[in-house]
Amino acid sequence: MAAAAPLPPVATAPPGGAAGRAAAAGPEGPASAGARAEGAEGLFVVLGAGLAAASHPLLYVKLLIQVGHEPLPPTVGRNVLGRKVLYLPGFFTYARHIVEVDGKRGLFRGLTPRLISSTLSTITRGSVKKAFPLEDMEHVSNKDDVKTSLRKVVKETSHEMMMQCVSRVVSHPLHVISMRCMVQFVGREVKYSGVFSAIGRIFKEEGILGFFVGLIPHILGDVIFLWCCNLLAHFINTYAVDDNFSQASVIRSYTKFVMGIAVSMLTYPFLLVGDLMAVNNCGLRAGLPPYAPAFTSWIHCWRYLSAQGQLFRGSSLLFRRAPMPAACFPID
């Protein structure tokens, strides 16, 4: 699962002691300013939950493809060169199949634990940011000392990494439950029917570590994504974008966004491995052969996918070429 969107920076205390803080809080006083901050945090929780709910069908289909579930046969099409190729069903065809089997509500299987996971992640990030505020550094432009600029990026990325890692650890148990609820579609199981019953089942069968299967590759993917994205954007803005160019500021504002898209493709295998480990060998059909062997570790899973050429399985939901022969996919 992708990383939760960071909260806006928390304003640091202005100089001048109590008088300065009271002035910054405005005529309504510090209590009102605190209430506004809490209101903003609540708004981000609601927005995060809404985004999670809206994107859930997309995540649901992606997960079923990640575990290798292909309930529909491939169709014959043509590539850009006009050659006949086999295409596996895309998102819309796959989603329509889920609706035919489970109805429209079936597209939101596993949504409740995912909403709880998203909420925990957002609240945790806000709490960590308040507990460990990032000290303000003066704005550094392209003309300033390169070492100072790089030090600012490293400091901000380290702080963001800490928030992301803590929020990932806190929200991961609910992520595991959500994944397992969704992949029950494969075998039509009802083993994980509710959040509390799922918590009890996992604890009874796998112990406390069962809530954190797949955590390491997820954290590694988050850390690599943050550092690569921020450092690449910094070096491009510093060395590749000329200040004399009239649209330099506009280009710099989009650099990090573009780098995020590129780096997310490179770190996708970590997301895939983490999700597969969350459902592997848990008693559900999607975590057992023929979909996957019982992996002994996430490294074993990575090596298996790499040998099969499947490290990017599920990264595309629209145009999916079927490997040859197509019969190698499990067809229900």
C-alpha atoms as a PDB file:
ATOM      1  CA  MET A   1       0.000   0.000   0.000  1.00  0.00           C
ATOM      2  CA  ALA A   2       1.015   3.353  -0.862  1.00  0.00           C
ATOM      3  CA  ALA A   3       2.384   5.691   2.038  1.00  0.00           C
ATOM      4  CA  ALA A   4       0.000   8.021   3.744  1.00  0.00           C
ATOM      5  CA  ALA A   5       0.111  11.670   2.753  1.00  0.00           C
ATOM      6  CA  PRO A   6       2.079  13.750   5.263  1.00  0.00           C
ATOM      7  CA  LEU A   7       0.338  16.344   7.369  1.00  0.00           C
ATOM      8  CA  PRO A   8       1.167  20.017   6.858  1.00  0.00           C
ATOM      9  CA  PRO A   9       4.083  21.342   8.871  1.00  0.00           C
ATOM     10  CA  VAL A  10       3.230  22.325  12.428  1.00  0.00           C
ATOM     11  CA  ALA A  11       3.960  25.980  13.081  1.00  0.00           C
ATOM     12  CA  THR A  12       6.881  26.504  15.424  1.00  0.00           C
ATOM     13  CA  ALA A  13       6.588  28.721  18.477  1.00  0.00           C
ATOM     14  CA  PRO A  14       7.350  32.373  17.615  1.00  0.00           C
ATOM     15  CA  PRO A  15      10.018  34.326  19.501  1.00  0.00           C
ATOM     16  CA  GLY A  16       9.130  36.561  22.372  1.00  0.00           C
ATOM     17  CA  GLY A  17       8.066  34.105  25.065  1.00  0.00           C
ATOM     18  CA  ALA A  18       4.500  34.006  26.271  1.00  0.00           C
ATOM     19  CA  ALA A  19       3.665  37.380  24.763  1.00  0.00           C
ATOM     20  CA  GLY A  20       4.862  36.274  21.354  1.00  0.00           C
ATOM     21  CA  ARG A  21       2.924  33.024  21.559  1.00  0.00           C
ATOM     22  CA  ALA A  22      -0.232  34.861  22.574  1.00  0.00           C
ATOM     23  CA  ALA A  23       0.169  37.293  19.691  1.00  0.00           C
ATOM     24  CA  ALA A  24       0.695  34.445  17.232  1.00  0.00           C
ATOM     25  CA  ALA A  25      -2.405  32.733  18.531  1.00  0.00           C
ATOM     26  CA  GLY A  26      -4.448  35.785  17.651  1.00  0.00           C
ATOM     27  CA  PRO A  27      -7.098  37.679  19.629  1.00  0.00           C
ATOM     28  CA  GLU A  28      -8.872  34.444  20.519  1.00  0.00           C
ATOM     29  CA  GLY A  29      -5.873  33.139  22.474  1.00  0.00           C
ATOM     30  CA  PRO A  30      -3.768  29.953  22.416  1.00  0.00           C
ATOM     31  CA  ALA A  31      -6.729  27.709  23.189  1.00  0.00           C
ATOM     32  CA  SER A  32      -8.464  28.763  19.984  1.00  0.00           C
ATOM     33  CA  ALA A  33      -5.278  28.204  17.985  1.00  0.00           C
ATOM     34  CA  GLY A  34      -4.985  24.708  19.472  1.00  0.00           C
ATOM     35  CA  ALA A  35      -8.595  23.998  18.601  1.00  0.00           C
ATOM     36  CA  ARG A  36      -7.947  25.088  15.012  1.00  0.00           C
ATOM     37  CA  ALA A  37      -4.920  22.782  14.851  1.00  0.00           C
ATOM     38  CA  GLU A  38      -6.965  19.861  16.154  1.00  0.00           C
ATOM     39  CA  GLY A  39      -9.685  20.697  13.652  1.00  0.00           C
ATOM     40  CA  ALA A  40      -7.171  20.652  10.815  1.00  0.00           C
ATOM     41  CA  GLU A  41      -5.831  17.288  11.971  1.00  0.00           C
ATOM     42  CA  GLY A  42      -9.370  15.912  12.128  1.00  0.00           C
ATOM     43  CA  LEU A  43      -9.989  17.172   8.610  1.00  0.00           C
ATOM     44  CA  PHE A  44      -6.935  15.302   7.351  1.00  0.00           C
ATOM     45  CA  VAL A  45      -8.165  12.127   9.044  1.00  0.00           C
ATOM     46  CA  VAL A  46     -11.527  12.464   7.290  1.00  0.00           C
ATOM     47  CA  LEU A  47      -9.930  13.257   3.939  1.00  0.00           C
ATOM     48  CA  GLY A  48      -7.550  10.309   4.295  1.00  0.00           C
ATOM     49  CA  ALA A  49     -10.405   7.962   5.086  1.00  0.00           C
ATOM     50  CA  GLY A  50     -12.413   9.282   2.149  1.00  0.00           C
ATOM     51  CA  LEU A  51      -9.506   8.792  -0.227  1.00  0.00           C
ATOM     52  CA  ALA A  52      -8.952   5.256   1.097  1.00  0.00           C
ATOM     53  CA  ALA A  53     -12.619   4.403   0.555  1.00  0.00           C
ATOM     54  CA  ALA A  54     -12.687   5.866  -2.962  1.00  0.00           C
ATOM     55  CA  SER A  55      -9.538   4.044  -4.039  1.00  0.00           C
ATOM     56  CA  HIS A  56     -10.390   0.736  -2.363  1.00  0.00           C
ATOM     57  CA  PRO A  57     -11.748  -1.061  -5.463  1.00  0.00           C
ATOM     58  CA  LEU A  58      -8.493  -0.232  -7.259  1.00  0.00           C
ATOM     59  CA  LEU A  59      -6.418  -1.638  -4.400  1.00  0.00           C
ATOM     60  CA  TYR A  60      -8.681  -4.685  -4.196  1.00  0.00           C
ATOM     61  CA  VAL A  61      -8.217  -5.597  -7.855  1.00  0.00           C
ATOM     62  CA  LYS A  62      -4.470  -4.903  -7.639  1.00  0.00           C
ATOM     63  CA  LEU A  63      -4.100  -7.264  -4.673  1.00  0.00           C
ATOM     64  CA  LEU A  64      -5.948 -10.101  -6.407  1.00  0.00           C
ATOM     65  CA  ILE A  65      -3.664  -9.667  -9.413  1.00  0.00           C
ATOM     66  CA  GLN A  66      -0.612  -9.541  -7.125  1.00  0.00           C
ATOM     67  CA  VAL A  67      -1.433 -12.937  -5.624  1.00  0.00           C
ATOM     68  CA  GLY A  68      -1.836 -14.339  -9.150  1.00  0.00           C
ATOM     69  CA  HIS A  69      -5.602 -14.807  -9.226  1.00  0.00           C
ATOM     70  CA  GLU A  70      -6.766 -14.661 -12.846  1.00  0.00           C
ATOM     71  CA  PRO A  71     -10.407 -15.825 -12.947  1.00  0.00           C
ATOM     72  CA  LEU A  72     -10.967 -14.659 -16.525  1.00  0.00           C
ATOM     73  CA  PRO A  73      -9.231 -15.996 -19.642  1.00  0.00           C
ATOM     74  CA  PRO A  74      -6.970 -13.703 -21.661  1.00  0.00           C
ATOM     75  CA  THR A  75      -8.209 -12.132 -24.860  1.00  0.00           C
ATOM     76  CA  VAL A  76      -6.450 -11.746 -28.207  1.00  0.00           C
ATOM     77  CA  GLY A  77      -5.375  -8.241 -29.132  1.00  0.00           C
ATOM     78  CA  ARG A  78      -2.715  -6.410 -31.098  1.00  0.00           C
ATOM     79  CA  ASN A  79       0.274  -4.440 -29.885  1.00  0.00           C
ATOM     80  CA  VAL A  80       1.596  -1.181 -31.347  1.00  0.00           C
ATOM     81  CA  LEU A  81       3.394  -3.166 -34.056  1.00  0.00           C
ATOM     82  CA  GLY A  82       0.168  -4.863 -35.120  1.00  0.00           C
ATOM     83  CA  ARG A  83       1.182  -8.280 -33.834  1.00  0.00           C
ATOM     84  CA  LYS A  84      -1.340 -10.515 -32.115  1.00  0.00           C
ATOM     85  CA  VAL A  85      -0.776 -10.830 -28.372  1.00  0.00           C
ATOM     86  CA  LEU A  86      -2.731 -12.123 -25.385  1.00  0.00           C
ATOM     87  CA  TYR A  87      -4.030  -9.556 -22.898  1.00  0.00           C
ATOM     88  CA  LEU A  88      -5.237 -10.322 -19.398  1.00  0.00           C
ATOM     89  CA  PRO A  89      -8.364  -8.487 -18.174  1.00  0.00           C
ATOM     90  CA  GLY A  90      -7.780  -4.921 -17.031  1.00  0.00           C
ATOM     91  CA  PHE A  91      -9.180  -3.182 -13.982  1.00  0.00           C
ATOM     92  CA  PHE A  92     -12.674  -2.492 -15.298  1.00  0.00           C
ATOM     93  CA  THR A  93     -13.217  -6.023 -16.604  1.00  0.00           C
ATOM     94  CA  TYR A  94     -11.867  -7.506 -13.383  1.00  0.00           C
ATOM     95  CA  ALA A  95     -14.014  -5.198 -11.233  1.00  0.00           C
ATOM     96  CA  ARG A  96     -17.092  -6.113 -13.262  1.00  0.00           C
ATOM     97  CA  HIS A  97     -16.377  -9.782 -12.569  1.00  0.00           C
ATOM     98  CA  ILE A  98     -16.202  -9.082  -8.812  1.00  0.00           C
ATOM     99  CA  VAL A  99     -19.551  -7.288  -8.989  1.00  0.00           C
ATOM    100  CA  GLU A 100     -21.078 -10.264 -10.823  1.00  0.00           C
ATOM    101  CA  VAL A 101     -19.875 -12.615  -8.084  1.00  0.00           C
ATOM    102  CA  ASP A 102     -20.332 -10.523  -4.925  1.00  0.00           C
ATOM    103  CA  GLY A 103     -22.414  -7.537  -5.995  1.00  0.00           C
ATOM    104  CA  LYS A 104     -21.336  -3.906  -5.819  1.00  0.00           C
ATOM    105  CA  ARG A 105     -20.633  -4.183  -2.100  1.00  0.00           C
ATOM    106  CA  GLY A 106     -18.109  -6.881  -2.952  1.00  0.00           C
ATOM    107  CA  LEU A 107     -15.777  -4.203  -4.318  1.00  0.00           C
ATOM    108  CA  PHE A 108     -15.365  -2.929  -0.753  1.00  0.00           C
ATOM    109  CA  ARG A 109     -14.380  -6.189   0.909  1.00  0.00           C
ATOM    110  CA  GLY A 110     -11.764  -5.437   3.596  1.00  0.00           C
ATOM    111  CA  LEU A 111     -12.547  -1.712   3.637  1.00  0.00           C
ATOM    112  CA  THR A 112     -13.205  -1.417   7.386  1.00  0.00           C
ATOM    113  CA  PRO A 113      -9.733  -2.537   8.567  1.00  0.00           C
ATOM    114  CA  ARG A 114      -8.181  -0.434   5.816  1.00  0.00           C
ATOM    115  CA  LEU A 115     -10.012   2.669   7.040  1.00  0.00           C
ATOM    116  CA  ILE A 116      -8.830   1.971  10.583  1.00  0.00           C
ATOM    117  CA  SER A 117      -5.286   1.471   9.279  1.00  0.00           C
ATOM    118  CA  SER A 118      -5.421   4.763   7.347  1.00  0.00           C
ATOM    119  CA  THR A 119      -6.774   6.624  10.373  1.00  0.00           C
ATOM    120  CA  LEU A 120      -4.113   5.183  12.686  1.00  0.00           C
ATOM    121  CA  SER A 121      -1.411   6.133  10.184  1.00  0.00           C
ATOM    122  CA  THR A 122      -2.600   9.743   9.899  1.00  0.00           C
ATOM    123  CA  ILE A 123      -3.018  10.207  13.661  1.00  0.00           C
ATOM    124  CA  THR A 124       0.376   8.617  14.364  1.00  0.00           C
ATOM    125  CA  ARG A 125       2.155  10.892  11.896  1.00  0.00           C
ATOM    126  CA  GLY A 126       0.563  13.923  13.520  1.00  0.00           C
ATOM    127  CA  SER A 127       1.460  12.745  17.016  1.00  0.00           C
ATOM    128  CA  VAL A 128       5.076  12.045  16.075  1.00  0.00           C
ATOM    129  CA  LYS A 129       5.362  15.434  14.390  1.00  0.00           C
ATOM    130  CA  LYS A 130       4.099  17.142  17.556  1.00  0.00           C
ATOM    131  CA  ALA A 131       6.368  15.088  19.822  1.00  0.00           C
ATOM    132  CA  PHE A 132       9.443  15.621  17.640  1.00  0.00           C
ATOM    133  CA  PRO A 133       8.941  18.920  15.795  1.00  0.00           C
ATOM    134  CA  LEU A 134      11.319  19.706  12.981  1.00  0.00           C
ATOM    135  CA  GLU A 135      13.326  22.823  13.758  1.00  0.00           C
ATOM    136  CA  ASP A 136      12.943  25.550  11.181  1.00  0.00           C
ATOM    137  CA  MET A 137      15.832  26.166   8.837  1.00  0.00           C
ATOM    138  CA  GLU A 138      16.153  29.287   6.771  1.00  0.00           C
ATOM    139  CA  HIS A 139      15.015  28.943   3.180  1.00  0.00           C
ATOM    140  CA  VAL A 140      17.865  27.814   0.973  1.00  0.00           C
ATOM    141  CA  SER A 141      17.801  28.806  -2.687  1.00  0.00           C
ATOM    142  CA  ASN A 142      19.784  27.427  -5.584  1.00  0.00           C
ATOM    143  CA  LYS A 143      22.343  30.182  -5.151  1.00  0.00           C
ATOM    144  CA  ASP A 144      23.060  29.354  -1.507  1.00  0.00           C
ATOM    145  CA  ASP A 145      25.785  27.069  -0.301  1.00  0.00           C
ATOM    146  CA  VAL A 146      25.228  23.575  -1.706  1.00  0.00           C
ATOM    147  CA  LYS A 147      26.295  21.880   1.525  1.00  0.00           C
ATOM    148  CA  THR A 148      23.771  23.907   3.520  1.00  0.00           C
ATOM    149  CA  SER A 149      21.041  23.079   1.039  1.00  0.00           C
ATOM    150  CA  LEU A 150      21.849  19.358   1.090  1.00  0.00           C
ATOM    151  CA  ARG A 151      21.973  19.364   4.899  1.00  0.00           C
ATOM    152  CA  LYS A 152      18.465  20.838   4.944  1.00  0.00           C
ATOM    153  CA  VAL A 153      17.160  18.097   2.618  1.00  0.00           C
ATOM    154  CA  VAL A 154      18.818  15.358   4.694  1.00  0.00           C
ATOM    155  CA  LYS A 155      17.352  16.750   7.918  1.00  0.00           C
ATOM    156  CA  GLU A 156      13.843  17.032   6.500  1.00  0.00           C
ATOM    157  CA  THR A 157      13.996  13.567   4.915  1.00  0.00           C
ATOM    158  CA  SER A 158      15.247  11.997   8.149  1.00  0.00           C
ATOM    159  CA  HIS A 159      12.344  13.545  10.040  1.00  0.00           C
ATOM    160  CA  GLU A 160       9.848  12.394   7.419  1.00  0.00           C
ATOM    161  CA  MET A 161      11.359   8.901   7.462  1.00  0.00           C
ATOM    162  CA  MET A 162      10.926   8.671  11.228  1.00  0.00           C
ATOM    163  CA  MET A 163       7.260   9.649  10.972  1.00  0.00           C
ATOM    164  CA  GLN A 164       6.620   7.210   8.130  1.00  0.00           C
ATOM    165  CA  CYS A 165       8.310   4.269   9.856  1.00  0.00           C
ATOM    166  CA  VAL A 166       6.436   4.775  13.126  1.00  0.00           C
ATOM    167  CA  SER A 167       3.087   5.174  11.367  1.00  0.00           C
ATOM    168  CA  ARG A 168       3.797   2.073   9.275  1.00  0.00           C
ATOM    169  CA  VAL A 169       4.513  -0.046  12.364  1.00  0.00           C
ATOM    170  CA  VAL A 170       1.370   1.162  14.143  1.00  0.00           C
ATOM    171  CA  SER A 171      -0.979   0.687  11.174  1.00  0.00           C
ATOM    172  CA  HIS A 172       0.507  -2.525   9.740  1.00  0.00           C
ATOM    173  CA  PRO A 173      -1.541  -5.026  11.819  1.00  0.00           C
ATOM    174  CA  LEU A 174      -4.755  -3.600  10.363  1.00  0.00           C
ATOM    175  CA  HIS A 175      -3.151  -3.634   6.909  1.00  0.00           C
ATOM    176  CA  VAL A 176      -2.512  -7.371   7.294  1.00  0.00           C
ATOM    177  CA  ILE A 177      -6.127  -7.964   8.294  1.00  0.00           C
ATOM    178  CA  SER A 178      -7.387  -5.920   5.347  1.00  0.00           C
ATOM    179  CA  MET A 179      -5.221  -7.869   2.896  1.00  0.00           C
ATOM    180  CA  ARG A 180      -6.448 -11.204   4.221  1.00  0.00           C
ATOM    181  CA  CYS A 181     -10.090 -10.125   4.131  1.00  0.00           C
ATOM    182  CA  MET A 182      -9.707  -9.184   0.459  1.00  0.00           C
ATOM    183  CA  VAL A 183      -7.925 -12.315  -0.762  1.00  0.00           C
ATOM    184  CA  GLN A 184     -10.688 -14.489   0.680  1.00  0.00           C
ATOM    185  CA  PHE A 185     -12.392 -13.786  -2.652  1.00  0.00           C
ATOM    186  CA  VAL A 186     -10.021 -16.292  -4.267  1.00  0.00           C
ATOM    187  CA  GLY A 187     -11.150 -19.322  -2.281  1.00  0.00           C
ATOM    188  CA  ARG A 188     -14.542 -17.972  -1.170  1.00  0.00           C
ATOM    189  CA  GLU A 189     -13.454 -18.316   2.476  1.00  0.00           C
ATOM    190  CA  VAL A 190     -14.962 -16.571   5.508  1.00  0.00           C
ATOM    191  CA  LYS A 191     -12.075 -17.112   7.904  1.00  0.00           C
ATOM    192  CA  TYR A 192     -11.589 -13.363   8.474  1.00  0.00           C
ATOM    193  CA  SER A 193     -15.082 -11.946   8.846  1.00  0.00           C
ATOM    194  CA  GLY A 194     -14.500  -9.031  11.228  1.00  0.00           C
ATOM    195  CA  VAL A 195     -11.742  -6.896  12.704  1.00  0.00           C
ATOM    196  CA  PHE A 196     -11.936  -8.198  16.270  1.00  0.00           C
ATOM    197  CA  SER A 197     -12.393 -11.832  15.289  1.00  0.00           C
ATOM    198  CA  ALA A 198      -9.455 -11.494  12.863  1.00  0.00           C
ATOM    199  CA  ILE A 199      -7.263 -10.056  15.629  1.00  0.00           C
ATOM    200  CA  GLY A 200      -8.091 -12.989  17.877  1.00  0.00           C
ATOM    201  CA  ARG A 201      -7.509 -15.545  15.129  1.00  0.00           C
ATOM    202  CA  ILE A 202      -4.133 -14.150  14.090  1.00  0.00           C
ATOM    203  CA  PHE A 203      -2.951 -13.919  17.694  1.00  0.00           C
ATOM    204  CA  LYS A 204      -4.070 -17.495  18.402  1.00  0.00           C
ATOM    205  CA  GLU A 205      -2.565 -19.043  15.247  1.00  0.00           C
ATOM    206  CA  GLU A 206       0.561 -16.938  14.660  1.00  0.00           C
ATOM    207  CA  GLY A 207       1.221 -14.979  17.821  1.00  0.00           C
ATOM    208  CA  ILE A 208       2.127 -11.302  17.982  1.00  0.00           C
ATOM    209  CA  LEU A 209       4.513 -11.618  15.023  1.00  0.00           C
ATOM    210  CA  GLY A 210       1.599 -12.572  12.806  1.00  0.00           C
ATOM    211  CA  PHE A 211       0.465  -8.955  12.830  1.00  0.00           C
ATOM    212  CA  PHE A 212       3.771  -7.794  11.359  1.00  0.00           C
ATOM    213  CA  VAL A 213       4.368 -10.214   8.482  1.00  0.00           C
ATOM    214  CA  GLY A 214       5.501  -8.244   5.444  1.00  0.00           C
ATOM    215  CA  LEU A 215       6.463  -5.212   7.533  1.00  0.00           C
ATOM    216  CA  ILE A 216      10.176  -5.191   6.669  1.00  0.00           C
ATOM    217  CA  PRO A 217       9.815  -4.930   2.864  1.00  0.00           C
ATOM    218  CA  HIS A 218       7.165  -2.237   3.308  1.00  0.00           C
ATOM    219  CA  ILE A 219       9.452  -0.166   5.538  1.00  0.00           C
ATOM    220  CA  LEU A 220      12.417  -0.686   3.217  1.00  0.00           C
ATOM    221  CA  GLY A 221      10.309   0.444   0.282  1.00  0.00           C
ATOM    222  CA  ASP A 222       9.152   3.540   2.187  1.00  0.00           C
ATOM    223  CA  VAL A 223      12.682   4.495   3.241  1.00  0.00           C
ATOM    224  CA  ILE A 224      14.202   3.969  -0.216  1.00  0.00           C
ATOM    225  CA  PHE A 225      11.341   5.904  -1.808  1.00  0.00           C
ATOM    226  CA  LEU A 226      11.735   8.908   0.512  1.00  0.00           C
ATOM    227  CA  TRP A 227      15.499   9.206   0.184  1.00  0.00           C
ATOM    228  CA  CYS A 228      15.661   8.615  -3.568  1.00  0.00           C
ATOM    229  CA  CYS A 229      12.770  10.948  -4.299  1.00  0.00           C
ATOM    230  CA  ASN A 230      13.972  13.815  -2.115  1.00  0.00           C
ATOM    231  CA  LEU A 231      17.658  13.568  -3.049  1.00  0.00           C
ATOM    232  CA  LEU A 232      16.993  13.229  -6.780  1.00  0.00           C
ATOM    233  CA  ALA A 233      14.632  16.207  -6.704  1.00  0.00           C
ATOM    234  CA  HIS A 234      17.233  18.231  -4.791  1.00  0.00           C
ATOM    235  CA  PHE A 235      20.090  17.470  -7.175  1.00  0.00           C
ATOM    236  CA  ILE A 236      17.946  18.119 -10.256  1.00  0.00           C
ATOM    237  CA  ASN A 237      16.715  21.436  -8.886  1.00  0.00           C
ATOM    238  CA  THR A 238      20.247  22.427  -7.857  1.00  0.00           C
ATOM    239  CA  TYR A 239      22.298  21.347 -10.864  1.00  0.00           C
ATOM    240  CA  ALA A 240      19.906  20.844 -13.793  1.00  0.00           C
ATOM    241  CA  VAL A 241      17.482  23.759 -13.485  1.00  0.00           C
ATOM    242  CA  ASP A 242      19.035  27.113 -14.352  1.00  0.00           C
ATOM    243  CA  ASP A 243      17.940  30.114 -12.278  1.00  0.00           C
ATOM    244  CA  ASN A 244      18.063  32.257 -15.409  1.00  0.00           C
ATOM    245  CA  PHE A 245      15.259  30.210 -16.965  1.00  0.00           C
ATOM    246  CA  SER A 246      11.955  32.081 -16.638  1.00  0.00           C
ATOM    247  CA  GLN A 247       9.995  28.958 -15.620  1.00  0.00           C
ATOM    248  CA  ALA A 248      12.616  27.641 -13.183  1.00  0.00           C
ATOM    249  CA  SER A 249      10.366  27.980 -10.129  1.00  0.00           C
ATOM    250  CA  VAL A 250       7.515  26.175 -11.878  1.00  0.00           C
ATOM    251  CA  ILE A 251       9.754  23.299 -12.921  1.00  0.00           C
ATOM    252  CA  ARG A 252      11.163  22.961  -9.397  1.00  0.00           C
ATOM    253  CA  SER A 253       7.656  22.758  -7.945  1.00  0.00           C
ATOM    254  CA  TYR A 254       6.907  19.685 -10.087  1.00  0.00           C
ATOM    255  CA  THR A 255      10.297  17.949  -9.842  1.00  0.00           C
ATOM    256  CA  LYS A 256       9.511  16.078  -6.633  1.00  0.00           C
ATOM    257  CA  PHE A 257       6.146  14.936  -7.986  1.00  0.00           C
ATOM    258  CA  VAL A 258       7.720  13.543 -11.167  1.00  0.00           C
ATOM    259  CA  MET A 259      10.518  11.895  -9.191  1.00  0.00           C
ATOM    260  CA  GLY A 260       7.900  10.319  -6.929  1.00  0.00           C
ATOM    261  CA  ILE A 261       6.239   8.622  -9.901  1.00  0.00           C
ATOM    262  CA  ALA A 262       9.554   7.339 -11.247  1.00  0.00           C
ATOM    263  CA  VAL A 263      10.879   6.114  -7.899  1.00  0.00           C
ATOM    264  CA  SER A 264       7.567   4.447  -7.003  1.00  0.00           C
ATOM    265  CA  MET A 265       8.025   2.137  -9.984  1.00  0.00           C
ATOM    266  CA  LEU A 266      11.499   1.179  -8.772  1.00  0.00           C
ATOM    267  CA  THR A 267      10.292   0.448  -5.242  1.00  0.00           C
ATOM    268  CA  TYR A 268       7.134  -1.397  -6.351  1.00  0.00           C
ATOM    269  CA  PRO A 269       8.693  -4.860  -5.769  1.00  0.00           C
ATOM    270  CA  PHE A 270       8.955  -4.055  -2.046  1.00  0.00           C
ATOM    271  CA  LEU A 271       5.216  -3.296  -1.969  1.00  0.00           C
ATOM    272  CA  LEU A 272       4.441  -6.496  -3.858  1.00  0.00           C
ATOM    273  CA  VAL A 273       6.597  -8.685  -1.607  1.00  0.00           C
ATOM    274  CA  GLY A 274       5.178  -7.083   1.540  1.00  0.00           C
ATOM    275  CA  ASP A 275       1.586  -7.697   0.434  1.00  0.00           C
ATOM    276  CA  LEU A 276       2.290 -11.286  -0.590  1.00  0.00           C
ATOM    277  CA  MET A 277       3.960 -12.031   2.744  1.00  0.00           C
ATOM    278  CA  ALA A 278       0.910 -10.609   4.559  1.00  0.00           C
ATOM    279  CA  VAL A 279      -1.283 -13.362   3.072  1.00  0.00           C
ATOM    280  CA  ASN A 280       1.235 -16.154   2.536  1.00  0.00           C
ATOM    281  CA  ASN A 281       0.656 -19.468   4.310  1.00  0.00           C
ATOM    282  CA  CYS A 282      -2.130 -18.053   6.505  1.00  0.00           C
ATOM    283  CA  GLY A 283      -4.598 -20.803   5.704  1.00  0.00           C
ATOM    284  CA  LEU A 284      -6.220 -19.025   2.770  1.00  0.00           C
ATOM    285  CA  ARG A 285      -6.121 -20.397  -0.756  1.00  0.00           C
ATOM    286  CA  ALA A 286      -4.507 -17.228  -2.119  1.00  0.00           C
ATOM    287  CA  GLY A 287      -1.470 -17.823   0.099  1.00  0.00           C
ATOM    288  CA  LEU A 288      -0.932 -21.428  -0.899  1.00  0.00           C
ATOM    289  CA  PRO A 289       0.006 -23.313  -4.093  1.00  0.00           C
ATOM    290  CA  PRO A 290      -0.652 -22.928  -7.005  1.00  0.00           C
ATOM    291  CA  TYR A 291      -0.508 -19.202  -6.279  1.00  0.00           C
ATOM    292  CA  ALA A 292       2.695 -19.310  -4.246  1.00  0.00           C
ATOM    293  CA  PRO A 293       4.780 -21.678  -2.139  1.00  0.00           C
ATOM    294  CA  ALA A 294       4.990 -21.238   1.624  1.00  0.00           C
ATOM    295  CA  PHE A 295       7.753 -18.646   1.838  1.00  0.00           C
ATOM    296  CA  THR A 296      10.187 -18.844   4.730  1.00  0.00           C
ATOM    297  CA  SER A 297      11.043 -15.136   4.559  1.00  0.00           C
ATOM    298  CA  TRP A 298      10.449 -12.055   2.451  1.00  0.00           C
ATOM    299  CA  ILE A 299      13.838 -12.613   0.791  1.00  0.00           C
ATOM    300  CA  HIS A 300      12.671 -16.096  -0.261  1.00  0.00           C
ATOM    301  CA  CYS A 301       9.551 -14.476  -1.726  1.00  0.00           C
ATOM    302  CA  TRP A 302      11.641 -11.871  -3.566  1.00  0.00           C
ATOM    303  CA  ARG A 303      13.930 -14.508  -5.079  1.00  0.00           C
ATOM    304  CA  TYR A 304      10.964 -16.627  -6.146  1.00  0.00           C
ATOM    305  CA  LEU A 305       9.257 -13.709  -7.904  1.00  0.00           C
ATOM    306  CA  SER A 306      12.541 -12.635  -9.495  1.00  0.00           C
ATOM    307  CA  ALA A 307      13.128 -16.139 -10.886  1.00  0.00           C
ATOM    308  CA  GLN A 308       9.592 -16.112 -12.308  1.00  0.00           C
ATOM    309  CA  GLY A 309      10.014 -12.622 -13.773  1.00  0.00           C
ATOM    310  CA  GLN A 310       7.058 -11.425 -11.650  1.00  0.00           C
ATOM    311  CA  LEU A 311       8.568  -8.683  -9.468  1.00  0.00           C
ATOM    312  CA  PHE A 312       6.287  -6.107 -11.104  1.00  0.00           C
ATOM    313  CA  ARG A 313       3.130  -8.203 -11.178  1.00  0.00           C
ATOM    314  CA  GLY A 314       0.120  -5.969 -10.638  1.00  0.00           C
ATOM    315  CA  SER A 315       1.969  -2.711 -11.310  1.00  0.00           C
ATOM    316  CA  SER A 316      -0.248  -2.121 -14.351  1.00  0.00           C
ATOM    317  CA  LEU A 317      -4.015  -2.511 -14.215  1.00  0.00           C
ATOM    318  CA  LEU A 318      -4.973  -1.452 -17.743  1.00  0.00           C
ATOM    319  CA  PHE A 319      -2.775  -3.178 -20.324  1.00  0.00           C
ATOM    320  CA  ARG A 320      -1.546  -6.524 -19.013  1.00  0.00           C
ATOM    321  CA  ARG A 321       0.236  -8.849 -21.366  1.00  0.00           C
ATOM    322  CA  ALA A 322      -0.296 -12.534 -20.648  1.00  0.00           C
ATOM    323  CA  PRO A 323       2.906 -14.580 -20.333  1.00  0.00           C
ATOM    324  CA  MET A 324       3.298 -17.494 -22.674  1.00  0.00           C
ATOM    325  CA  PRO A 325       1.804 -19.953 -22.302  1.00  0.00           C
ATOM    326  CA  ALA A 326      -1.286 -18.306 -20.848  1.00  0.00           C
ATOM    327  CA  ALA A 327      -2.391 -21.635 -19.362  1.00  0.00           C
ATOM    328  CA  CYS A 328       0.233 -21.234 -16.635  1.00  0.00           C
ATOM    329  CA  PHE A 329      -2.166 -18.948 -14.802  1.00  0.00           C
ATOM    330  CA  PRO A 330      -4.676 -20.537 -12.428  1.00  0.00           C
ATOM    331  CA  ILE A 331      -8.112 -20.229 -14.005  1.00  0.00           C
ATOM    332  CA  ASP A 332     -11.178 -20.758 -11.863  1.00  0.00           C
END
